[in-house]
């Protein structure tokens, strides 16, 4: 099993749900859990971070449900992906982080209606576990990248160690942005 404690093992791809500038020089990948109180708090931090950095940032969310802590974690992740299959991942993501999960997931048809989804398809996807393996794959990528809890962030593929409060993340992202020209120069020199 290939594991790296400091690097993102599964690179960002077209399979990921991405917010922001797809060509941004900074990419923030978060492994989170809709039932985790820390991930729920980080949701607001990421929103503020995205407002502050704008087009300089590309944001990716990946699921890392900790079902031992809360069984709704898995169901919430599958609900987000089921909504994503209908083009509404980010709307579901916001609902799942902003509202009470017990209430939202007790009535999947109501959630689908709120999100303007095909209710039958959404409830069928949840009932049949259509996205169970994708959630497992995302979580496995997190495990192989050395994560054990949520939220965990990676900046341009390197694990962020520190407080996930706004100022700490802004500082780390800006430091990474300043380092980019030097990194490119040393990579160019290495290929000569």
Protein backbone atom coordinates (compact mmCIF):
# COMPACT_ATOMS: atom_id res chain seq x y z
CA UNK A 1 0.00 0.00 0.00
CA UNK A 2 1.50 3.32 -1.11
CA UNK A 3 1.28 5.84 1.74
CA UNK A 4 2.77 9.29 2.17
CA UNK A 5 2.28 11.17 5.40
CA UNK A 6 2.98 14.59 3.91
CA UNK A 7 1.73 14.37 0.32
CA UNK A 8 -1.60 14.00 -1.41
CA UNK A 9 -1.39 10.52 -2.93
CA UNK A 10 -4.39 10.90 -5.27
CA UNK A 11 -3.86 14.01 -7.40
CA UNK A 12 -6.74 16.33 -8.25
CA UNK A 13 -8.49 15.16 -11.40
CA UNK A 14 -11.57 15.77 -13.51
CA UNK A 15 -13.41 13.34 -11.19
CA UNK A 16 -13.16 15.81 -8.30
CA UNK A 17 -15.70 18.49 -7.47
CA UNK A 18 -13.87 21.80 -7.78
CA UNK A 19 -14.81 25.36 -6.85
CA UNK A 20 -12.91 28.37 -8.10
CA UNK A 21 -10.48 29.03 -10.87
CA UNK A 22 -9.54 25.69 -12.48
CA UNK A 23 -6.17 27.21 -13.46
CA UNK A 24 -5.36 28.76 -10.08
CA UNK A 25 -1.79 28.42 -8.87
CA UNK A 26 -3.06 27.41 -5.42
CA UNK A 27 -5.11 24.29 -4.83
CA UNK A 28 -6.63 23.54 -1.44
CA UNK A 29 -7.89 19.98 -1.02
CA UNK A 30 -9.97 19.22 2.04
CA UNK A 31 -10.84 15.80 3.36
CA UNK A 32 -13.95 16.32 5.46
CA UNK A 33 -16.95 14.72 7.10
CA UNK A 34 -20.40 16.32 7.12
CA UNK A 35 -21.08 14.99 10.63
CA UNK A 36 -17.80 16.20 12.12
CA UNK A 37 -18.18 19.37 14.19
CA UNK A 38 -14.67 20.46 13.20
CA UNK A 39 -15.40 19.98 9.48
CA UNK A 40 -18.64 21.88 9.96
CA UNK A 41 -16.69 24.76 11.49
CA UNK A 42 -14.08 24.60 8.73
CA UNK A 43 -16.89 24.97 6.16
CA UNK A 44 -17.25 28.62 7.20
CA UNK A 45 -13.49 29.09 7.25
CA UNK A 46 -13.18 27.76 3.69
CA UNK A 47 -15.99 30.04 2.49
CA UNK A 48 -14.20 33.07 3.97
CA UNK A 49 -10.91 31.87 2.51
CA UNK A 50 -12.44 31.56 -0.95
CA UNK A 51 -13.88 35.07 -0.69
CA UNK A 52 -10.51 36.46 0.39
CA UNK A 53 -8.35 34.72 -2.23
CA UNK A 54 -10.87 34.69 -5.09
CA UNK A 55 -9.46 33.62 -8.46
CA UNK A 56 -6.10 32.69 -6.86
CA UNK A 57 -7.61 29.56 -5.29
CA UNK A 58 -9.01 26.27 -6.52
CA UNK A 59 -10.85 24.31 -3.80
CA UNK A 60 -11.55 20.57 -3.81
CA UNK A 61 -13.63 18.67 -1.26
CA UNK A 62 -13.19 14.93 -0.72
CA UNK A 63 -15.14 12.70 1.63
CA UNK A 64 -13.62 11.07 4.67
CA UNK A 65 -16.60 9.83 6.69
CA UNK A 66 -15.77 8.67 10.19
CA UNK A 67 -18.71 6.30 10.63
CA UNK A 68 -17.50 5.06 14.02
CA UNK A 69 -18.10 8.56 15.31
CA UNK A 70 -21.38 9.17 13.48
CA UNK A 71 -23.19 6.70 11.18
CA UNK A 72 -24.75 9.63 9.26
CA UNK A 73 -21.31 10.46 7.88
CA UNK A 74 -21.50 7.85 5.13
CA UNK A 75 -25.10 8.62 4.19
CA UNK A 76 -24.35 12.35 4.00
CA UNK A 77 -21.35 11.76 1.73
CA UNK A 78 -23.44 9.55 -0.56
CA UNK A 79 -26.21 12.18 -0.62
CA UNK A 80 -23.73 14.85 -1.73
CA UNK A 81 -22.47 12.63 -4.54
CA UNK A 82 -26.00 11.65 -5.57
CA UNK A 83 -26.82 15.35 -5.85
CA UNK A 84 -23.56 15.83 -7.74
CA UNK A 85 -24.64 13.27 -10.31
CA UNK A 86 -27.48 15.67 -11.05
CA UNK A 87 -25.22 18.73 -11.16
CA UNK A 88 -25.96 19.98 -7.64
CA UNK A 89 -23.01 18.79 -5.56
CA UNK A 90 -22.07 22.19 -4.15
CA UNK A 91 -25.67 23.03 -3.25
CA UNK A 92 -25.95 19.72 -1.37
CA UNK A 93 -22.53 20.30 0.21
CA UNK A 94 -23.74 23.62 1.61
CA UNK A 95 -27.02 22.16 2.89
CA UNK A 96 -25.28 19.22 4.54
CA UNK A 97 -22.85 21.48 6.36
CA UNK A 98 -25.33 24.24 7.18
CA UNK A 99 -28.31 22.30 8.45
CA UNK A 100 -29.05 19.50 10.90
CA UNK A 101 -28.06 16.15 9.33
CA UNK A 102 -30.61 14.13 11.31
CA UNK A 103 -33.42 16.26 9.88
CA UNK A 104 -32.04 16.41 6.34
CA UNK A 105 -31.32 12.71 6.01
CA UNK A 106 -34.51 11.55 7.73
CA UNK A 107 -36.40 12.57 4.59
CA UNK A 108 -34.20 12.23 1.49
CA UNK A 109 -37.14 13.09 -0.78
CA UNK A 110 -37.53 16.46 0.94
CA UNK A 111 -33.81 17.14 0.57
CA UNK A 112 -34.00 16.24 -3.11
CA UNK A 113 -36.98 18.54 -3.55
CA UNK A 114 -35.17 21.40 -1.78
CA UNK A 115 -32.21 20.88 -4.11
CA UNK A 116 -34.46 20.69 -7.20
CA UNK A 117 -33.32 17.17 -8.02
CA UNK A 118 -35.06 14.24 -9.66
CA UNK A 119 -36.45 12.83 -6.41
CA UNK A 120 -36.85 9.26 -7.66
CA UNK A 121 -33.30 9.07 -8.98
CA UNK A 122 -31.84 10.65 -5.82
CA UNK A 123 -33.68 8.35 -3.41
CA UNK A 124 -32.91 5.33 -5.58
CA UNK A 125 -29.19 6.23 -5.64
CA UNK A 126 -29.19 6.43 -1.84
CA UNK A 127 -31.21 3.25 -1.35
CA UNK A 128 -29.04 1.25 -3.77
CA UNK A 129 -25.72 2.66 -2.49
CA UNK A 130 -24.78 3.89 -5.96
CA UNK A 131 -22.00 6.12 -4.62
CA UNK A 132 -20.81 3.93 -1.73
CA UNK A 133 -17.69 2.82 -3.59
CA UNK A 134 -16.77 6.36 -4.63
CA UNK A 135 -16.95 7.49 -0.99
CA UNK A 136 -14.78 4.51 -0.04
CA UNK A 137 -12.27 5.38 -2.78
CA UNK A 138 -12.03 9.00 -1.60
CA UNK A 139 -11.57 7.88 2.01
CA UNK A 140 -8.94 5.34 0.93
CA UNK A 141 -7.03 8.10 -0.85
CA UNK A 142 -7.09 10.05 2.40
CA UNK A 143 -5.82 7.06 4.37
CA UNK A 144 -3.01 6.53 1.87
CA UNK A 145 -2.13 10.21 2.28
CA UNK A 146 -1.77 9.61 6.01
CA UNK A 147 -4.88 11.30 7.34
CA UNK A 148 -6.77 10.03 10.37
CA UNK A 149 -9.27 12.76 11.12
CA UNK A 150 -11.19 15.64 9.69
CA UNK A 151 -10.78 18.22 8.45
CA UNK A 152 -7.39 17.64 6.83
CA UNK A 153 -6.06 20.05 4.21
CA UNK A 154 -3.45 19.82 1.47
CA UNK A 155 -2.01 22.89 -0.24
CA UNK A 156 -0.72 22.13 -3.73
CA UNK A 157 -0.39 18.50 -2.75
CA UNK A 158 1.47 19.04 0.53
CA UNK A 159 -0.27 18.36 3.81
CA UNK A 160 -1.03 21.50 5.79
CA UNK A 161 -0.01 21.15 9.41
CA UNK A 162 -1.40 23.80 11.71
CA UNK A 163 -4.58 25.45 12.78
CA UNK A 164 -7.30 25.39 10.16
CA UNK A 165 -8.53 28.78 11.28
CA UNK A 166 -8.78 31.46 8.59
CA UNK A 167 -5.60 33.45 9.34
CA UNK A 168 -3.48 30.33 9.57
CA UNK A 169 -4.69 29.00 6.23
CA UNK A 170 -4.39 32.41 4.52
CA UNK A 171 -0.82 32.71 5.79
CA UNK A 172 0.07 29.20 4.58
CA UNK A 173 -1.52 29.74 1.16
CA UNK A 174 0.19 33.10 0.66
CA UNK A 175 3.54 31.62 1.72
CA UNK A 176 3.03 28.85 -0.81
CA UNK A 177 2.17 31.43 -3.50
CA UNK A 178 5.39 33.35 -2.77
CA UNK A 179 7.40 30.11 -3.01
CA UNK A 180 6.03 29.14 -6.43
CA UNK A 181 8.51 31.14 -8.61
CA UNK A 182 11.48 29.69 -6.72
CA UNK A 183 10.07 26.16 -7.02
CA UNK A 184 9.58 26.52 -10.77
CA UNK A 185 13.09 27.91 -11.21
CA UNK A 186 14.68 25.02 -9.32
CA UNK A 187 12.60 22.47 -11.25
CA UNK A 188 13.68 24.08 -14.55
CA UNK A 189 17.34 24.02 -13.52
CA UNK A 190 17.05 20.36 -12.54
CA UNK A 191 15.82 19.42 -16.03
CA UNK A 192 18.71 21.15 -17.90
